[in-house]
N, C-alpha and C. Protein backbone atom coordinates (compact mmCIF):
# COMPACT_ATOMS: atom_id res chain seq x y z
N GLY A 1 97.77 114.52 137.31
CA GLY A 1 96.80 114.50 135.96
C GLY A 1 97.49 115.23 134.98
N LEU A 2 97.09 115.02 133.68
CA LEU A 2 97.66 115.82 132.45
C LEU A 2 97.09 117.40 132.23
N ASP A 3 95.90 117.39 133.20
CA ASP A 3 95.12 118.76 132.82
C ASP A 3 94.66 119.07 131.55
N ILE A 4 94.16 118.18 131.09
CA ILE A 4 93.46 118.51 129.56
C ILE A 4 91.84 118.82 129.73
N HIS A 5 91.49 119.37 128.16
CA HIS A 5 90.06 119.58 128.30
C HIS A 5 89.38 118.46 127.90
N GLU A 6 88.06 118.35 128.12
CA GLU A 6 87.10 117.00 127.83
C GLU A 6 87.40 116.84 126.44
N SER A 7 87.24 117.72 125.59
CA SER A 7 87.14 117.61 124.12
C SER A 7 88.58 117.40 123.60
N THR A 8 89.60 117.60 124.29
CA THR A 8 90.87 117.27 123.86
C THR A 8 91.08 115.72 124.14
N SER A 9 90.71 115.33 125.29
CA SER A 9 90.58 114.05 125.87
C SER A 9 90.17 112.99 124.98
N GLN A 10 88.65 113.56 124.09
CA GLN A 10 87.93 112.42 123.13
C GLN A 10 89.13 112.03 122.20
N TRP A 11 90.01 112.57 121.92
CA TRP A 11 90.91 112.35 120.73
C TRP A 11 91.72 111.31 121.08
N LEU A 12 91.77 110.43 122.23
CA LEU A 12 92.54 109.59 122.82
C LEU A 12 91.60 108.19 122.23
N VAL A 13 90.25 108.36 122.54
CA VAL A 13 89.31 107.25 121.87
C VAL A 13 89.32 107.48 120.40
N THR A 14 89.13 108.66 119.79
CA THR A 14 88.96 108.78 118.25
C THR A 14 90.24 108.35 117.68
N GLY A 15 91.54 108.79 117.90
CA GLY A 15 92.66 108.31 117.62
C GLY A 15 92.83 106.68 117.34
N PHE A 16 92.52 106.14 118.55
CA PHE A 16 92.66 104.70 118.69
C PHE A 16 91.77 104.05 117.71
N MET A 17 90.60 104.38 117.91
CA MET A 17 89.83 103.83 116.85
C MET A 17 89.84 103.94 115.56
N LEU A 18 90.55 105.26 115.05
CA LEU A 18 90.95 105.28 113.61
C LEU A 18 91.73 104.50 113.09
N VAL A 19 92.86 104.53 114.05
CA VAL A 19 94.05 103.64 113.83
C VAL A 19 93.69 102.00 113.67
N ASN A 20 92.88 101.93 114.68
CA ASN A 20 92.42 100.48 114.80
C ASN A 20 91.81 100.23 113.36
N GLY A 21 90.78 100.90 113.00
CA GLY A 21 89.91 100.72 112.06
C GLY A 21 90.83 100.48 110.57
N ILE A 22 92.06 101.19 110.58
CA ILE A 22 92.77 101.27 109.18
C ILE A 22 93.44 99.96 109.35
N MET A 23 93.96 99.53 110.70
CA MET A 23 94.84 98.14 110.79
C MET A 23 93.97 96.86 110.38
N ILE A 24 92.68 96.96 110.71
CA ILE A 24 92.00 95.95 110.92
C ILE A 24 91.93 95.29 109.20
N PRO A 25 91.63 95.87 108.19
CA PRO A 25 91.68 95.52 106.84
C PRO A 25 93.37 95.38 106.42
N LEU A 26 94.38 95.88 106.41
CA LEU A 26 95.81 95.71 106.38
C LEU A 26 96.00 94.29 107.03
N THR A 27 95.27 93.85 108.13
CA THR A 27 95.98 92.61 108.43
C THR A 27 95.99 91.46 107.61
N ALA A 28 94.75 91.59 106.87
CA ALA A 28 94.80 90.37 105.75
C ALA A 28 96.05 90.55 104.89
N TYR A 29 96.42 91.68 104.45
CA TYR A 29 97.59 91.92 103.49
C TYR A 29 99.03 91.49 104.56
N LEU A 30 98.81 91.53 105.55
CA LEU A 30 100.04 91.23 106.35
C LEU A 30 100.12 89.85 106.73
N MET A 31 98.76 89.07 106.67
CA MET A 31 98.91 87.70 107.08
C MET A 31 99.41 86.93 105.74
N ASP A 32 99.05 87.55 104.54
CA ASP A 32 99.70 86.77 103.64
C ASP A 32 101.24 86.78 103.09
N ARG A 33 101.81 87.84 103.92
CA ARG A 33 103.20 87.94 103.84
C ARG A 33 104.26 87.75 105.25
N VAL A 34 103.52 87.48 106.26
CA VAL A 34 104.32 87.29 107.38
C VAL A 34 103.67 85.97 108.29
N PRO A 35 104.80 85.29 108.93
CA PRO A 35 103.98 84.12 109.67
C PRO A 35 103.20 84.62 110.87
N THR A 36 102.04 83.61 110.82
CA THR A 36 100.98 83.95 112.10
C THR A 36 101.73 84.11 113.38
N ARG A 37 102.63 83.19 113.82
CA ARG A 37 103.29 83.80 115.11
C ARG A 37 103.94 84.69 115.13
N THR A 38 104.67 85.03 114.08
CA THR A 38 105.59 86.47 114.08
C THR A 38 104.85 87.61 114.19
N LEU A 39 103.75 87.59 113.17
CA LEU A 39 102.53 88.59 113.30
C LEU A 39 102.03 88.66 114.52
N TYR A 40 101.48 87.61 115.16
CA TYR A 40 100.80 88.08 116.56
C TYR A 40 101.88 88.52 117.68
N LEU A 41 103.14 87.66 117.63
CA LEU A 41 104.25 88.59 118.60
C LEU A 41 104.60 89.91 118.32
N THR A 42 104.81 90.40 117.31
CA THR A 42 104.86 91.73 116.98
C THR A 42 103.62 92.40 117.34
N ALA A 43 102.49 92.30 116.97
CA ALA A 43 101.17 92.89 117.34
C ALA A 43 101.13 93.12 118.68
N MET A 44 101.60 91.85 119.49
CA MET A 44 101.19 91.91 120.99
C MET A 44 102.29 92.80 121.57
N GLY A 45 103.25 92.65 121.28
CA GLY A 45 104.52 93.45 121.13
C GLY A 45 104.44 95.30 121.17
N THR A 46 103.92 95.23 120.21
CA THR A 46 103.20 96.63 119.77
C THR A 46 102.62 97.11 120.82
N PHE A 47 101.28 96.44 121.07
CA PHE A 47 100.40 96.56 122.13
C PHE A 47 101.06 97.00 123.39
N VAL A 48 101.87 96.10 123.83
CA VAL A 48 102.51 95.95 125.32
C VAL A 48 103.05 97.32 125.33
N VAL A 49 104.19 97.80 124.27
CA VAL A 49 104.85 99.04 124.27
C VAL A 49 103.92 100.18 124.46
N GLY A 50 103.08 100.15 123.66
CA GLY A 50 101.97 101.19 123.73
C GLY A 50 101.35 101.51 125.10
N SER A 51 100.93 100.39 125.81
CA SER A 51 100.35 100.39 127.21
C SER A 51 101.59 100.97 128.08
N ILE A 52 102.48 100.55 128.11
CA ILE A 52 103.43 100.92 128.99
C ILE A 52 103.82 102.29 128.87
N THR A 53 104.06 102.80 127.54
CA THR A 53 104.47 104.24 127.50
C THR A 53 102.79 105.25 127.82
N ALA A 54 101.82 104.47 127.64
CA ALA A 54 100.59 105.33 127.95
C ALA A 54 100.55 105.43 129.58
N ALA A 55 101.15 104.38 130.28
CA ALA A 55 100.97 104.33 131.81
C ALA A 55 101.81 105.26 132.23
N LEU A 56 102.96 105.33 131.40
CA LEU A 56 104.03 106.15 131.88
C LEU A 56 104.04 107.71 131.28
N ALA A 57 103.04 108.10 130.42
CA ALA A 57 103.15 109.30 129.97
C ALA A 57 103.22 110.70 130.71
N PRO A 58 103.94 111.69 130.54
CA PRO A 58 103.93 112.71 131.30
C PRO A 58 103.24 113.87 130.67
N SER A 59 102.86 113.63 129.48
CA SER A 59 102.33 114.59 128.58
C SER A 59 100.90 114.20 127.70
N PHE A 60 100.29 114.93 127.41
CA PHE A 60 99.27 114.27 126.48
C PHE A 60 99.56 114.06 125.03
N SER A 61 100.85 114.68 124.62
CA SER A 61 100.89 114.35 123.34
C SER A 61 101.50 112.87 123.17
N ILE A 62 102.61 112.62 124.41
CA ILE A 62 103.19 111.18 124.44
C ILE A 62 101.72 110.09 124.58
N LEU A 63 100.81 110.35 125.33
CA LEU A 63 99.59 109.59 125.73
C LEU A 63 99.19 109.26 124.31
N MET A 64 98.70 110.19 123.68
CA MET A 64 98.31 110.33 122.16
C MET A 64 99.02 109.59 121.29
N THR A 65 100.25 109.42 121.51
CA THR A 65 101.07 108.60 120.69
C THR A 65 101.24 107.22 121.18
N ALA A 66 101.08 106.86 122.41
CA ALA A 66 101.22 105.80 122.89
C ALA A 66 99.67 104.93 122.63
N ARG A 67 98.77 105.74 122.31
CA ARG A 67 97.39 105.14 122.19
C ARG A 67 97.34 104.76 120.98
N VAL A 68 98.03 105.29 120.10
CA VAL A 68 97.91 105.03 118.53
C VAL A 68 98.82 103.78 118.41
N ILE A 69 99.88 103.61 119.22
CA ILE A 69 100.88 102.41 119.12
C ILE A 69 100.12 101.35 119.59
N GLN A 70 99.24 101.44 120.44
CA GLN A 70 98.23 100.41 120.91
C GLN A 70 97.60 100.01 119.94
N ALA A 71 96.91 101.11 119.20
CA ALA A 71 95.95 100.44 118.23
C ALA A 71 96.45 100.03 117.14
N LEU A 72 97.74 100.18 116.76
CA LEU A 72 98.41 99.43 115.77
C LEU A 72 98.34 97.98 115.95
N GLY A 73 98.69 97.65 117.47
CA GLY A 73 98.64 96.11 117.66
C GLY A 73 97.33 95.54 117.97
N ALA A 74 96.55 96.11 118.37
CA ALA A 74 95.20 95.91 118.63
C ALA A 74 94.69 95.73 117.20
N GLY A 75 94.74 96.43 116.38
CA GLY A 75 93.87 96.36 114.96
C GLY A 75 94.51 94.95 114.52
N VAL A 76 95.78 94.58 114.72
CA VAL A 76 95.93 93.18 113.99
C VAL A 76 95.62 91.87 114.83
N ILE A 77 95.59 92.22 116.09
CA ILE A 77 95.35 91.11 117.01
C ILE A 77 93.77 90.67 116.92
N MET A 78 92.95 91.54 116.77
CA MET A 78 91.65 91.11 116.59
C MET A 78 91.28 90.40 115.37
N PRO A 79 91.46 90.63 114.45
CA PRO A 79 91.32 89.92 113.10
C PRO A 79 92.29 88.44 112.95
N LEU A 80 93.29 88.79 113.63
CA LEU A 80 94.21 87.61 113.57
C LEU A 80 93.70 86.65 114.68
N SER A 81 93.25 86.97 115.72
CA SER A 81 93.10 85.96 116.78
C SER A 81 91.64 85.16 116.11
N GLN A 82 90.71 86.07 115.44
CA GLN A 82 89.86 85.33 114.63
C GLN A 82 90.09 84.07 113.61
N PHE A 83 91.03 84.72 112.82
CA PHE A 83 91.49 83.79 111.79
C PHE A 83 92.03 82.60 112.55
N THR A 84 92.84 82.55 113.40
CA THR A 84 93.49 81.58 114.16
C THR A 84 92.70 80.83 114.69
N LEU A 85 91.65 80.90 115.17
CA LEU A 85 90.38 80.12 115.98
C LEU A 85 89.80 79.37 114.72
N PHE A 86 89.46 79.98 113.65
CA PHE A 86 88.78 79.55 112.58
C PHE A 86 89.75 78.38 111.73
N THR A 87 91.16 78.66 111.89
CA THR A 87 92.03 77.60 111.42
C THR A 87 92.22 76.44 112.37
N LEU A 88 92.26 76.61 113.72
CA LEU A 88 92.54 75.62 114.66
C LEU A 88 91.59 74.66 114.84
N PHE A 89 90.39 75.22 114.95
CA PHE A 89 89.11 74.36 115.03
C PHE A 89 88.51 73.85 114.17
N PRO A 90 88.20 72.66 114.08
CA PRO A 90 87.58 71.88 112.99
C PRO A 90 85.89 72.37 112.89
N LYS A 91 85.51 72.21 111.67
CA LYS A 91 84.30 72.95 111.09
C LYS A 91 83.21 72.75 112.32
N ASN A 92 83.09 71.78 112.86
CA ASN A 92 81.84 71.25 113.66
C ASN A 92 82.14 72.10 115.04
N GLN A 93 83.26 72.84 115.45
CA GLN A 93 83.45 73.48 116.67
C GLN A 93 83.76 74.86 116.46
N ARG A 94 83.71 75.43 115.20
CA ARG A 94 84.14 76.73 115.20
C ARG A 94 83.34 77.78 115.72
N GLY A 95 81.91 77.23 115.63
CA GLY A 95 80.97 78.18 116.13
C GLY A 95 80.91 78.41 117.67
N PHE A 96 81.33 77.56 118.26
CA PHE A 96 81.64 77.38 119.89
C PHE A 96 82.73 78.25 120.29
N ALA A 97 83.89 77.95 119.34
CA ALA A 97 85.18 78.63 119.43
C ALA A 97 85.11 80.06 119.44
N MET A 98 84.17 80.33 118.26
CA MET A 98 84.20 81.88 118.05
C MET A 98 83.01 82.50 118.98
N GLY A 99 82.16 81.68 119.44
CA GLY A 99 81.28 82.27 120.36
C GLY A 99 81.79 82.73 121.71
N LEU A 100 82.58 81.68 122.24
CA LEU A 100 83.31 81.78 123.59
C LEU A 100 84.49 82.85 123.32
N SER A 101 84.98 82.79 122.37
CA SER A 101 86.00 84.05 122.22
C SER A 101 85.38 85.57 122.28
N GLY A 102 84.39 85.40 121.53
CA GLY A 102 83.25 86.86 121.49
C GLY A 102 82.69 87.14 122.94
N LEU A 103 82.27 86.03 123.81
CA LEU A 103 81.98 86.28 124.98
C LEU A 103 83.17 86.75 125.92
N VAL A 104 84.50 86.15 125.76
CA VAL A 104 85.23 86.60 126.33
C VAL A 104 85.84 87.90 126.39
N ILE A 105 85.93 88.70 125.02
CA ILE A 105 86.11 89.69 124.45
C ILE A 105 85.13 90.89 125.26
N GLN A 106 83.79 90.39 125.03
CA GLN A 106 82.68 91.49 125.63
C GLN A 106 82.57 91.44 126.99
N PHE A 107 83.24 90.39 127.59
CA PHE A 107 83.09 90.33 128.89
C PHE A 107 84.34 90.92 129.98
N ALA A 108 85.34 91.01 129.20
CA ALA A 108 86.78 91.39 129.84
C ALA A 108 86.65 92.71 130.35
N PRO A 109 86.18 93.93 129.44
CA PRO A 109 85.81 95.44 130.12
C PRO A 109 84.95 95.39 131.37
N ALA A 110 83.97 94.57 131.50
CA ALA A 110 83.26 94.80 133.00
C ALA A 110 83.85 94.13 134.27
N ILE A 111 84.87 93.15 133.67
CA ILE A 111 85.66 92.78 134.93
C ILE A 111 87.22 93.39 135.38
N GLY A 112 87.69 93.95 134.22
CA GLY A 112 88.75 94.81 134.07
C GLY A 112 89.13 96.00 135.11
N PRO A 113 89.94 96.46 134.92
CA PRO A 113 90.11 97.78 135.91
C PRO A 113 89.45 98.93 134.99
N THR A 114 89.12 99.61 135.71
CA THR A 114 88.28 101.04 135.18
C THR A 114 89.35 102.18 135.16
């Protein structure tokens, strides 16, 4: 274990949410300048690098940095996936596609590792 205090560990969530919240509106800017496929692959790669780094982190500072890297990727993936669904599906199927996507996103933490 990393042997950190509870109040210190809260920064793992707070830091992630802060960076994630900054990246979500910046994604609109990036989508205007970077092709969708390139942006998605870069964001997913960033998230994976952050996840692997977090899993192997020997200290809190490296773990915190890894969570920030994860948030950079996640903050782009969320709005980009909604945009992609909106553009791929015809108008009469968009509600179903968005609803199914939201259901999967909300249900995933319940069945994923804890």
